[in-house]
Amino acid sequence: MGSAILSAPSNQRIPFFASLRSRITFAYAGVLALLLIVFVGVIYGGARNVLLASAADRVRQVSQDIQRELVALNASNPFGAVPVRTALANQDFLNGFSGSGLFIEAYNQFGKPIGKSANLGTRDIPTNGVRLNQPRIFSEGENWGLATLGSGRLLVNRVTLQPGGQVEATVYVAESLETTDAILQRFRGFLVLGLLVALGFIALASISLARAALGPIDQIARAAQEISGEDLGKRLNWTGRADEIGALAKRFDEMLARLESAFARERRFVADASHELKTPLTVINANAQMLERWGARNPEIMAEALRTIETESATMARVINAMLTLAKTDDPRALALESVDFGRVVHEVGAALQPAAKAKGLTLLVDVDDDLGAYVHGEPGLLRQLVTNLTENAIKFTQAGTVTLSLRSGDGVVELRVQDTGSGIPTEALPHIFERFYRADPARSRNVEGTGLGLAVVNNIVRVHGGRIGVASEPGIGTTFTVDLPLERPSQPSPKAA
């Protein structure tokens, strides 16, 4: 199944807008473009306000000059406001303040025109369309507005004259914004062109950044596509990258190494299991044929064949049960854990295996303090199988002497020791004894009943319970297995067995 998954083809193209690369590109480009547009808008608005403020300064200066001149005329004449309207009706007076692009027009207190500068000709400053106090760059209370004269815009300032406390005349001073608008238009064109060029560079930079960021991921994807269950030797072997992509590549290679090792173990396990089951199946088949041919005529042949079939069936059952236990302990999440009195488990296993030990002329000792209270958080059946497998293994390989089960607790762990006076394990075999189907002495093992899975099962049980297992052995003297499991003391210990 794993091989089929790894070797499945992956040639489908990812839709453009579903691609992570396109989304990163649009995100980079969108954020940078938005910031650039805002920046350009601020620059343009600032330039516009500077130019308007410059024009307003000229208009304000002329308005103030007119007011000062009229105040001086009014103060020097005893007839009050007459010289003000007379002066404003004098085109020469107004021409003295007007100039190129600067227009002046005066109205009396009834809103009737009384005079204007000569450069207006037959035109009038459009006072009805003036929106006063529109540009925000002007001070509060000033009467400013924008109007259109011909094809150009005007910046208009309205000055109300009331020398005697009453409105006597109103003067409109207007500055043509034709030059200002032309400058702003050229500046706007320059900004738009610069913005388009900058957006092009942003798009290219975003594509390059996305490609640089995600290109290595494409390489990893291609490497993954080349991997199959038959060939897991593919590696990226990237060096010199200390960033997240380099870390991902390193983890990818490590994952491949673990997969390769796991697949190798799986193949070896299947091959070994097939080999272990093939022999008893062949024997059972041969004896079944013998029964079919001669069983009815020869009771001795029938009895011998049935005993052989029973023995080989039991061997197959042990192999299958061990394999099921290994599969069960490969997924700790499937285990139902509870508080287990480990001392009681050791007592019960010792009592159950006493007949087997006596049948071989061995002494089986159980050294467990009744008041030890060694509770372990685990699966009761697996913990019992742990003790059983180690004890049966000790009995199996001990020809004379003693097998001792002892239990001690301390430093947060409970320690199980299974010690025998058997033949021991060769030093070169010790690193391999927990491997599945491993036999330290295959020639000798053929005479000893077993599956080669017992210690592998023990190792898995210890691992899923968070413990450690160790072994010390000396050929001709004996072997000692030591298992440390995390100790748990429940608030209300279970009652001990009688």
Protein backbone atom coordinates (compact mmCIF):
# COMPACT_ATOMS: atom_id res chain seq x y z
CA MET A 1 0.00 0.00 0.00
CA GLY A 2 2.83 2.39 0.97
CA SER A 3 4.59 1.67 -2.33
CA ALA A 4 1.46 2.43 -4.33
CA ILE A 5 1.01 5.76 -2.60
CA LEU A 6 4.60 6.87 -3.14
CA SER A 7 4.74 5.86 -6.76
CA ALA A 8 1.40 7.38 -7.82
CA PRO A 9 1.82 9.81 -10.73
CA SER A 10 1.48 13.52 -10.02
CA ASN A 11 1.50 15.18 -13.44
CA GLN A 12 -1.60 17.32 -12.98
CA ARG A 13 -0.94 21.04 -13.31
CA ILE A 14 -2.11 23.21 -10.48
CA PRO A 15 -4.67 25.84 -11.58
CA PHE A 16 -3.03 29.26 -11.92
CA PHE A 17 -5.02 31.02 -9.21
CA ALA A 18 -4.75 28.01 -6.90
CA SER A 19 -0.96 28.02 -7.21
CA LEU A 20 0.91 29.16 -4.13
CA ARG A 21 3.47 30.82 -6.40
CA SER A 22 0.83 32.95 -8.14
CA ARG A 23 -0.75 33.89 -4.81
CA ILE A 24 2.58 34.94 -3.34
CA THR A 25 3.36 36.90 -6.53
CA PHE A 26 0.04 38.74 -6.38
CA ALA A 27 0.43 39.35 -2.65
CA TYR A 28 3.93 40.84 -3.05
CA ALA A 29 2.93 42.88 -6.09
CA GLY A 30 -0.38 44.01 -4.60
CA VAL A 31 1.08 45.24 -1.32
CA LEU A 32 4.01 47.02 -2.98
CA ALA A 33 1.78 48.50 -5.69
CA LEU A 34 -0.69 49.78 -3.10
CA LEU A 35 2.10 51.38 -1.08
CA LEU A 36 3.56 52.94 -4.22
CA ILE A 37 0.18 54.30 -5.36
CA VAL A 38 -0.42 55.83 -1.92
CA PHE A 39 3.09 57.32 -1.99
CA VAL A 40 2.55 58.78 -5.47
CA GLY A 41 -0.81 60.18 -4.40
CA VAL A 42 0.76 61.87 -1.38
CA ILE A 43 3.55 63.34 -3.57
CA TYR A 44 1.08 64.65 -6.11
CA GLY A 45 -1.23 66.10 -3.45
CA GLY A 46 1.71 67.80 -1.76
CA ALA A 47 2.95 69.33 -5.04
CA ARG A 48 -0.57 70.53 -5.86
CA ASN A 49 -0.95 72.20 -2.47
CA VAL A 50 2.48 73.86 -2.76
CA LEU A 51 1.60 75.34 -6.15
CA LEU A 52 -1.85 76.49 -4.95
CA ALA A 53 -0.31 78.04 -1.84
CA SER A 54 2.21 79.91 -4.03
CA ALA A 55 -0.60 81.29 -6.21
CA ALA A 56 -2.63 82.16 -3.13
CA ASP A 57 0.29 84.15 -1.69
CA ARG A 58 0.36 86.37 -4.78
CA VAL A 59 -3.43 86.85 -4.71
CA ARG A 60 -3.40 87.58 -0.97
CA GLN A 61 -0.64 90.14 -1.40
CA VAL A 62 -2.59 92.00 -4.11
CA SER A 63 -5.79 91.93 -2.02
CA GLN A 64 -3.93 93.42 0.93
CA ASP A 65 -2.32 96.11 -1.26
CA ILE A 66 -5.76 97.14 -2.61
CA GLN A 67 -7.20 97.29 0.91
CA ARG A 68 -4.31 99.43 2.18
CA GLU A 69 -4.58 101.82 -0.76
CA LEU A 70 -8.34 102.19 -0.32
CA VAL A 71 -8.02 102.74 3.41
CA ALA A 72 -5.50 105.48 2.73
CA LEU A 73 -7.84 107.16 0.23
CA ASN A 74 -10.78 106.89 2.61
CA ALA A 75 -8.82 108.42 5.47
CA SER A 76 -7.64 111.39 3.40
CA ASN A 77 -11.15 112.30 2.16
CA PRO A 78 -13.81 113.75 4.43
CA PHE A 79 -16.62 112.37 2.27
CA GLY A 80 -16.22 108.77 3.47
CA ALA A 81 -16.89 105.94 1.07
CA VAL A 82 -17.26 107.95 -2.13
CA PRO A 83 -13.54 107.82 -2.93
CA VAL A 84 -13.57 103.97 -2.41
CA ARG A 85 -16.22 103.27 -5.03
CA THR A 86 -14.78 106.00 -7.27
CA ALA A 87 -11.34 104.41 -7.08
CA LEU A 88 -12.70 100.95 -7.78
CA ALA A 89 -14.59 102.31 -10.80
CA ASN A 90 -11.33 103.70 -12.13
CA GLN A 91 -9.83 101.09 -14.45
CA ASP A 92 -6.39 102.67 -14.18
CA PHE A 93 -6.52 102.17 -10.41
CA LEU A 94 -7.34 98.48 -10.86
CA ASN A 95 -4.81 98.06 -13.65
CA GLY A 96 -2.15 99.17 -11.21
CA PHE A 97 -2.68 95.95 -9.27
CA SER A 98 -3.48 93.54 -12.10
CA GLY A 99 -0.97 91.79 -14.29
CA SER A 100 -0.39 88.77 -16.49
CA GLY A 101 -2.84 86.12 -15.33
CA LEU A 102 -4.00 88.31 -12.42
CA PHE A 103 -7.52 89.73 -12.73
CA ILE A 104 -9.49 92.22 -10.56
CA GLU A 105 -13.19 93.06 -10.57
CA ALA A 106 -15.18 95.26 -8.14
CA TYR A 107 -18.87 95.31 -7.18
CA ASN A 108 -20.88 97.88 -5.19
CA GLN A 109 -22.88 97.12 -2.09
CA PHE A 110 -25.81 95.97 -4.22
CA GLY A 111 -23.72 93.44 -6.15
CA LYS A 112 -23.55 95.50 -9.32
CA PRO A 113 -20.21 95.62 -11.18
CA ILE A 114 -18.51 99.02 -10.95
CA GLY A 115 -15.10 98.27 -12.43
CA LYS A 116 -12.60 95.67 -13.60
CA SER A 117 -9.06 95.42 -14.81
CA ALA A 118 -8.44 95.87 -18.52
CA ASN A 119 -7.05 92.33 -19.00
CA LEU A 120 -10.54 90.93 -18.37
CA GLY A 121 -11.83 92.61 -21.50
CA THR A 122 -15.50 91.80 -21.89
CA ARG A 123 -15.31 88.89 -19.53
CA ASP A 124 -16.29 88.86 -15.87
CA ILE A 125 -14.90 86.86 -13.00
CA PRO A 126 -17.58 84.15 -12.47
CA THR A 127 -18.46 84.94 -8.86
CA ASN A 128 -21.66 82.87 -8.78
CA GLY A 129 -19.75 79.61 -9.36
CA VAL A 130 -17.05 80.36 -6.82
CA ARG A 131 -17.03 77.80 -4.05
CA LEU A 132 -15.70 79.70 -1.12
CA ASN A 133 -13.36 78.12 1.46
CA GLN A 134 -12.83 75.04 -0.72
CA PRO A 135 -9.05 74.57 -0.74
CA ARG A 136 -8.04 73.37 2.72
CA ILE A 137 -4.65 75.04 2.49
CA PHE A 138 -6.19 78.44 3.31
CA SER A 139 -6.82 79.91 6.74
CA GLU A 140 -10.17 79.76 8.50
CA GLY A 141 -12.32 82.79 7.67
CA GLU A 142 -10.64 83.65 4.36
CA ASN A 143 -12.97 83.81 1.36
CA TRP A 144 -11.36 81.65 -1.31
CA GLY A 145 -12.71 79.64 -4.15
CA LEU A 146 -12.09 78.08 -7.53
CA ALA A 147 -13.81 79.22 -10.70
CA THR A 148 -13.50 78.64 -14.45
CA LEU A 149 -12.82 81.42 -16.92
CA GLY A 150 -12.78 80.32 -20.53
CA SER A 151 -10.83 77.05 -20.63
CA GLY A 152 -8.78 77.68 -17.53
CA ARG A 153 -9.27 77.66 -13.81
CA LEU A 154 -9.02 80.66 -11.48
CA LEU A 155 -8.07 80.91 -7.84
CA VAL A 156 -10.37 83.65 -6.49
CA ASN A 157 -10.11 85.70 -3.31
CA ARG A 158 -13.07 87.86 -2.22
CA VAL A 159 -12.41 91.02 -0.22
CA THR A 160 -15.34 92.82 1.43
CA LEU A 161 -14.75 96.55 2.05
CA GLN A 162 -16.67 98.17 4.90
CA PRO A 163 -14.79 101.31 6.00
CA GLY A 164 -17.71 102.76 7.97
CA GLY A 165 -18.88 99.46 9.40
CA GLN A 166 -21.18 98.81 6.44
CA VAL A 167 -20.43 96.95 3.21
CA GLU A 168 -19.51 99.53 0.58
CA ALA A 169 -17.90 97.33 -2.07
CA THR A 170 -16.61 93.86 -2.82
CA VAL A 171 -13.43 93.16 -4.73
CA TYR A 172 -12.59 89.81 -6.41
CA VAL A 173 -8.92 89.13 -7.09
CA ALA A 174 -8.35 86.09 -9.31
CA GLU A 175 -5.12 84.30 -10.29
CA SER A 176 -5.08 82.17 -13.43
CA LEU A 177 -4.09 78.57 -12.67
CA GLU A 178 -3.28 77.80 -16.30
CA THR A 179 0.45 77.60 -15.63
CA THR A 180 -0.11 75.73 -12.38
CA ASP A 181 -2.43 73.21 -14.08
CA ALA A 182 0.07 72.72 -16.90
CA ILE A 183 2.84 72.02 -14.39
CA LEU A 184 0.56 69.64 -12.49
CA GLN A 185 -0.42 67.89 -15.72
CA ARG A 186 3.20 67.32 -16.72
CA PHE A 187 4.04 66.24 -13.17
CA ARG A 188 1.03 63.89 -13.18
CA GLY A 189 2.14 62.37 -16.46
CA PHE A 190 5.64 61.90 -15.06
CA LEU A 191 4.24 60.25 -11.94
CA VAL A 192 1.96 57.94 -13.95
CA LEU A 193 4.83 56.92 -16.21
CA GLY A 194 7.10 56.35 -13.23
CA LEU A 195 4.31 54.43 -11.50
CA LEU A 196 3.84 52.13 -14.50
CA VAL A 197 7.57 51.48 -14.74
CA ALA A 198 7.76 50.84 -11.00
CA LEU A 199 4.77 48.48 -11.18
CA GLY A 200 6.52 46.57 -13.95
CA PHE A 201 9.64 46.22 -11.82
CA ILE A 202 7.48 45.21 -8.85
CA ALA A 203 5.80 42.49 -10.94
CA LEU A 204 9.16 41.15 -12.11
CA ALA A 205 10.60 41.32 -8.60
CA SER A 206 7.54 39.56 -7.15
CA ILE A 207 7.80 36.77 -9.74
CA SER A 208 11.52 36.40 -9.02
CA LEU A 209 10.95 36.36 -5.25
CA ALA A 210 8.16 33.79 -5.54
CA ARG A 211 10.29 31.66 -7.85
CA ALA A 212 13.29 31.89 -5.51
CA ALA A 213 11.13 31.08 -2.50
CA LEU A 214 9.13 28.22 -4.03
CA GLY A 215 11.55 26.87 -6.64
CA PRO A 216 13.19 24.54 -4.11
CA ILE A 217 9.75 23.21 -3.17
CA ASP A 218 9.24 22.26 -6.83
CA GLN A 219 12.51 20.35 -6.67
CA ILE A 220 11.30 18.55 -3.56
CA ALA A 221 8.00 17.74 -5.33
CA ARG A 222 9.85 16.34 -8.34
CA ALA A 223 12.09 14.28 -6.07
CA ALA A 224 9.01 12.95 -4.28
CA GLN A 225 7.46 12.02 -7.64
CA GLU A 226 10.55 9.99 -8.55
CA ILE A 227 10.33 7.96 -5.36
CA SER A 228 8.67 4.57 -5.38
CA GLY A 229 8.36 1.71 -2.94
CA GLU A 230 11.03 -0.17 -4.89
CA ASP A 231 13.58 2.68 -4.85
CA LEU A 232 13.73 4.95 -1.82
CA GLY A 233 17.36 5.92 -2.32
CA LYS A 234 16.59 9.35 -3.82
CA ARG A 235 18.01 12.27 -1.79
CA LEU A 236 18.19 16.04 -2.29
CA ASN A 237 21.57 16.34 -0.53
CA TRP A 238 21.34 20.13 -0.33
CA THR A 239 24.20 21.88 1.41
CA GLY A 240 24.91 25.51 2.17
CA ARG A 241 21.30 26.54 2.85
CA ALA A 242 20.69 27.63 6.43
CA ASP A 243 17.16 28.95 5.82
CA GLU A 244 13.77 27.30 6.26
CA ILE A 245 13.91 25.72 2.79
CA GLY A 246 17.26 24.15 3.64
CA ALA A 247 15.77 22.82 6.87
CA LEU A 248 12.81 21.43 4.91
CA ALA A 249 15.16 19.69 2.46
CA LYS A 250 17.14 18.22 5.34
CA ARG A 251 13.96 16.94 7.02
CA PHE A 252 12.84 15.55 3.65
CA ASP A 253 16.06 13.55 3.31
CA GLU A 254 15.70 12.34 6.90
CA MET A 255 12.11 11.30 6.20
CA LEU A 256 13.25 9.37 3.12
CA ALA A 257 15.90 7.64 5.18
CA ARG A 258 13.29 6.61 7.75
CA LEU A 259 10.93 5.45 5.01
CA GLU A 260 13.69 3.46 3.35
CA SER A 261 14.52 1.84 6.66
CA ALA A 262 10.85 1.17 7.40
CA PHE A 263 10.26 -0.36 3.96
CA ALA A 264 13.36 -2.50 4.35
CA ARG A 265 12.06 -3.72 7.73
CA GLU A 266 8.65 -4.35 6.18
CA ARG A 267 10.12 -6.42 3.35
CA ARG A 268 12.32 -8.32 5.76
CA PHE A 269 9.38 -8.88 8.09
CA VAL A 270 7.17 -10.19 5.27
CA ALA A 271 9.96 -12.40 3.99
CA ASP A 272 10.76 -13.77 7.46
CA ALA A 273 7.08 -14.28 8.30
CA SER A 274 6.57 -16.08 5.00
CA HIS A 275 9.56 -18.28 5.76
CA GLU A 276 8.38 -19.01 9.31
CA LEU A 277 4.88 -19.92 8.14
CA LYS A 278 6.01 -21.81 5.06
CA THR A 279 7.69 -24.63 7.02
CA PRO A 280 4.73 -25.54 9.27
CA LEU A 281 2.33 -25.21 6.34
CA THR A 282 4.49 -27.60 4.30
CA VAL A 283 4.63 -30.06 7.20
CA ILE A 284 0.86 -29.83 7.75
CA ASN A 285 0.20 -30.36 4.04
CA ALA A 286 2.55 -33.38 3.90
CA ASN A 287 0.95 -35.00 6.94
CA ALA A 288 -2.53 -34.28 5.60
CA GLN A 289 -1.61 -36.16 2.41
CA MET A 290 -0.17 -38.97 4.52
CA LEU A 291 -3.44 -39.18 6.45
CA GLU A 292 -5.39 -39.25 3.20
CA ARG A 293 -3.33 -42.16 1.82
CA TRP A 294 -2.54 -44.36 4.83
CA GLY A 295 -4.36 -42.93 7.84
CA ALA A 296 -7.34 -45.22 7.56
CA ARG A 297 -5.13 -48.34 7.27
CA ASN A 298 -2.45 -47.53 9.86
CA PRO A 299 -3.51 -46.10 13.26
CA GLU A 300 0.11 -45.31 14.19
CA ILE A 301 0.58 -43.19 11.07
CA MET A 302 -2.73 -41.42 11.81
CA ALA A 303 -1.72 -40.65 15.40
CA GLU A 304 1.75 -39.43 14.42
CA ALA A 305 0.40 -37.24 11.60
CA LEU A 306 -2.26 -35.70 13.88
CA ARG A 307 0.34 -34.94 16.57
CA THR A 308 2.58 -33.32 13.95
CA ILE A 309 -0.31 -31.27 12.54
CA GLU A 310 -1.27 -30.16 16.05
CA THR A 311 2.33 -29.14 16.85
CA GLU A 312 2.83 -27.21 13.61
CA SER A 313 -0.59 -25.55 13.96
CA ALA A 314 0.40 -24.37 17.43
CA THR A 315 3.65 -22.98 16.00
CA MET A 316 1.73 -21.09 13.34
CA ALA A 317 -0.68 -19.76 15.97
CA ARG A 318 2.24 -18.49 18.07
CA VAL A 319 3.78 -16.76 15.06
CA ILE A 320 0.49 -15.14 14.10
CA ASN A 321 -0.27 -14.07 17.69
CA ALA A 322 3.20 -12.56 18.01
CA MET A 323 2.75 -10.69 14.73
CA LEU A 324 -0.64 -9.38 15.87
CA THR A 325 0.92 -8.19 19.13
CA LEU A 326 3.68 -6.43 17.20
CA ALA A 327 1.08 -4.74 15.00
CA LYS A 328 -0.93 -3.74 18.08
CA THR A 329 2.08 -2.20 19.80
CA ASP A 330 3.07 -0.32 16.64
CA ASP A 331 0.09 2.01 17.30
CA PRO A 332 0.04 2.98 21.00
CA ARG A 333 -3.12 5.08 20.47
CA ALA A 334 -5.13 1.86 20.11
CA LEU A 335 -4.17 0.64 23.59
CA ALA A 336 -6.54 0.83 26.56
CA LEU A 337 -4.23 1.86 29.41
CA GLU A 338 -5.08 1.61 33.10
CA SER A 339 -3.40 1.35 36.48
CA VAL A 340 -1.88 -2.14 36.82
CA ASP A 341 -0.38 -3.75 39.93
CA PHE A 342 2.83 -4.96 38.29
CA GLY A 343 3.88 -6.95 41.36
CA ARG A 344 0.68 -8.95 41.16
CA VAL A 345 1.31 -9.60 37.43
CA VAL A 346 4.78 -10.96 38.20
CA HIS A 347 3.40 -13.21 40.99
CA GLU A 348 0.70 -14.61 38.67
CA VAL A 349 3.11 -15.27 35.78
CA GLY A 350 5.56 -16.96 38.15
CA ALA A 351 2.79 -19.22 39.50
CA ALA A 352 1.56 -20.05 35.97
CA LEU A 353 5.04 -21.05 34.73
CA GLN A 354 6.07 -23.11 37.78
CA PRO A 355 4.94 -26.39 36.12
CA ALA A 356 7.02 -25.68 33.00
CA ALA A 357 10.10 -24.96 35.12
CA LYS A 358 9.62 -28.10 37.23
CA ALA A 359 9.17 -30.20 34.08
CA LYS A 360 12.74 -29.23 33.11
CA GLY A 361 14.05 -29.72 36.64
CA LEU A 362 14.54 -25.96 37.16
CA THR A 363 13.83 -23.81 40.19
CA LEU A 364 11.66 -20.75 39.44
CA LEU A 365 12.01 -18.08 42.17
CA VAL A 366 9.75 -15.02 42.47
CA ASP A 367 11.28 -12.27 44.60
CA VAL A 368 8.59 -9.60 44.94
CA ASP A 369 7.79 -7.71 48.16
CA ASP A 370 4.06 -7.97 48.90
CA ASP A 371 4.06 -4.36 50.16
CA LEU A 372 5.93 -2.96 47.19
CA GLY A 373 2.86 -1.34 45.59
CA ALA A 374 4.50 -1.19 42.15
CA TYR A 375 1.71 0.25 39.98
CA VAL A 376 2.26 0.88 36.27
CA HIS A 377 0.03 2.79 33.85
CA GLY A 378 -0.32 0.29 31.04
CA GLU A 379 -2.27 -2.40 29.21
CA PRO A 380 -2.69 -5.43 31.52
CA GLY A 381 -2.54 -8.08 28.79
CA LEU A 382 0.63 -6.65 27.26
CA LEU A 383 2.37 -6.31 30.64
CA ARG A 384 1.52 -9.94 31.40
CA GLN A 385 2.88 -10.98 28.00
CA LEU A 386 6.05 -8.99 28.70
CA VAL A 387 6.79 -10.95 31.88
CA THR A 388 5.65 -14.24 30.32
CA ASN A 389 7.87 -13.93 27.24
CA LEU A 390 10.99 -13.11 29.28
CA THR A 391 10.33 -15.93 31.75
CA GLU A 392 9.51 -18.52 29.08
CA ASN A 393 12.65 -17.46 27.20
CA ALA A 394 14.76 -17.97 30.36
CA ILE A 395 13.23 -21.40 31.01
CA LYS A 396 13.66 -22.42 27.37
CA PHE A 397 17.41 -21.71 27.28
CA THR A 398 18.27 -22.93 30.78
CA GLN A 399 19.13 -26.62 31.05
CA ALA A 400 19.83 -26.70 34.80
CA GLY A 401 19.79 -24.32 37.72
CA THR A 402 17.51 -21.39 38.58
CA VAL A 403 15.34 -18.76 36.92
CA THR A 404 14.68 -15.75 39.16
CA LEU A 405 12.02 -13.05 38.79
CA SER A 406 12.62 -10.01 40.99
CA LEU A 407 10.93 -6.62 41.26
CA ARG A 408 12.25 -3.43 42.82
CA SER A 409 11.09 0.20 42.78
CA GLY A 410 12.85 3.52 43.20
CA ASP A 411 13.56 6.86 41.48
CA GLY A 412 10.14 6.84 39.82
CA VAL A 413 10.57 3.48 38.08
CA VAL A 414 9.82 -0.15 38.79
CA GLU A 415 12.61 -2.54 37.80
CA LEU A 416 11.90 -6.10 36.65
CA ARG A 417 14.86 -8.48 36.49
CA VAL A 418 14.64 -11.92 34.86
CA GLN A 419 17.83 -13.85 35.59
CA ASP A 420 18.76 -17.37 34.53
CA THR A 421 21.72 -19.76 34.78
CA GLY A 422 21.44 -20.84 31.16
CA SER A 423 23.92 -21.03 28.31
CA GLY A 424 24.05 -17.27 27.79
CA ILE A 425 24.07 -15.22 24.58
CA PRO A 426 27.16 -14.71 22.40
CA THR A 427 28.54 -11.15 22.60
CA GLU A 428 28.20 -10.59 18.85
CA ALA A 429 24.51 -11.51 19.01
CA LEU A 430 23.51 -9.12 21.81
CA PRO A 431 22.87 -6.06 19.54
CA HIS A 432 20.43 -8.11 17.42
CA ILE A 433 18.39 -10.12 19.89
CA PHE A 434 15.42 -7.71 19.79
CA GLU A 435 15.13 -7.91 16.01
CA ARG A 436 12.22 -9.83 14.57
CA PHE A 437 12.91 -13.50 13.70
CA TYR A 438 16.52 -13.22 14.84
CA ARG A 439 18.08 -16.42 16.18
CA ALA A 440 21.47 -16.19 17.92
CA ASP A 441 22.37 -19.77 16.95
CA PRO A 442 20.14 -20.97 14.08
CA ALA A 443 21.50 -24.53 14.22
CA ARG A 444 20.78 -24.81 17.92
CA SER A 445 17.46 -22.94 17.62
CA ARG A 446 16.02 -25.66 15.40
CA ASN A 447 15.97 -27.91 18.45
CA VAL A 448 14.30 -25.25 20.62
CA GLU A 449 10.65 -24.40 20.24
CA GLY A 450 10.07 -20.75 19.37
CA THR A 451 9.14 -18.18 16.75
CA GLY A 452 12.03 -15.73 16.95
CA LEU A 453 9.51 -12.98 17.78
CA GLY A 454 9.36 -13.19 21.58
CA LEU A 455 12.03 -10.60 22.38
CA ALA A 456 10.86 -8.33 19.55
CA VAL A 457 7.40 -8.37 21.15
CA VAL A 458 8.95 -7.61 24.57
CA ASN A 459 10.91 -4.69 23.14
CA ASN A 460 7.76 -3.19 21.57
CA ILE A 461 5.75 -3.59 24.77
CA VAL A 462 8.45 -1.83 26.80
CA ARG A 463 8.65 0.98 24.24
CA VAL A 464 4.90 1.73 24.13
CA HIS A 465 4.89 1.87 27.96
CA GLY A 466 7.67 4.44 27.99
CA GLY A 467 10.22 2.09 29.54
CA ARG A 468 13.72 0.76 28.85
CA ILE A 469 15.06 -2.74 28.47
CA GLY A 470 18.63 -3.96 28.84
CA VAL A 471 20.42 -7.30 28.75
CA ALA A 472 23.64 -8.62 30.27
CA SER A 473 24.87 -12.09 29.36
CA GLU A 474 27.96 -14.24 29.71
CA PRO A 475 28.15 -17.51 27.77
CA GLY A 476 28.13 -20.52 30.08
CA ILE A 477 27.03 -18.49 33.12
CA GLY A 478 23.64 -17.00 32.32
CA THR A 479 21.61 -14.02 31.14
CA THR A 480 19.85 -11.18 32.94
CA PHE A 481 17.14 -9.03 31.33
CA THR A 482 16.34 -5.73 33.08
CA VAL A 483 13.15 -3.76 32.36
CA ASP A 484 12.48 -0.28 33.80
CA LEU A 485 8.90 1.02 33.60
CA PRO A 486 7.57 4.39 34.85
CA LEU A 487 6.09 3.95 38.31
CA GLU A 488 2.54 5.04 39.10
CA ARG A 489 0.96 5.10 42.55
CA PRO A 490 -2.84 5.36 42.38
CA SER A 491 -4.71 7.12 45.15
CA GLN A 492 -6.54 3.93 46.02
CA PRO A 493 -4.39 0.87 45.25
CA SER A 494 -6.14 -2.21 44.04
CA PRO A 495 -6.44 -5.03 46.61
CA LYS A 496 -3.69 -7.62 46.35
CA ALA A 497 -4.32 -11.13 45.30
CA ALA A 498 -4.78 -13.62 48.05
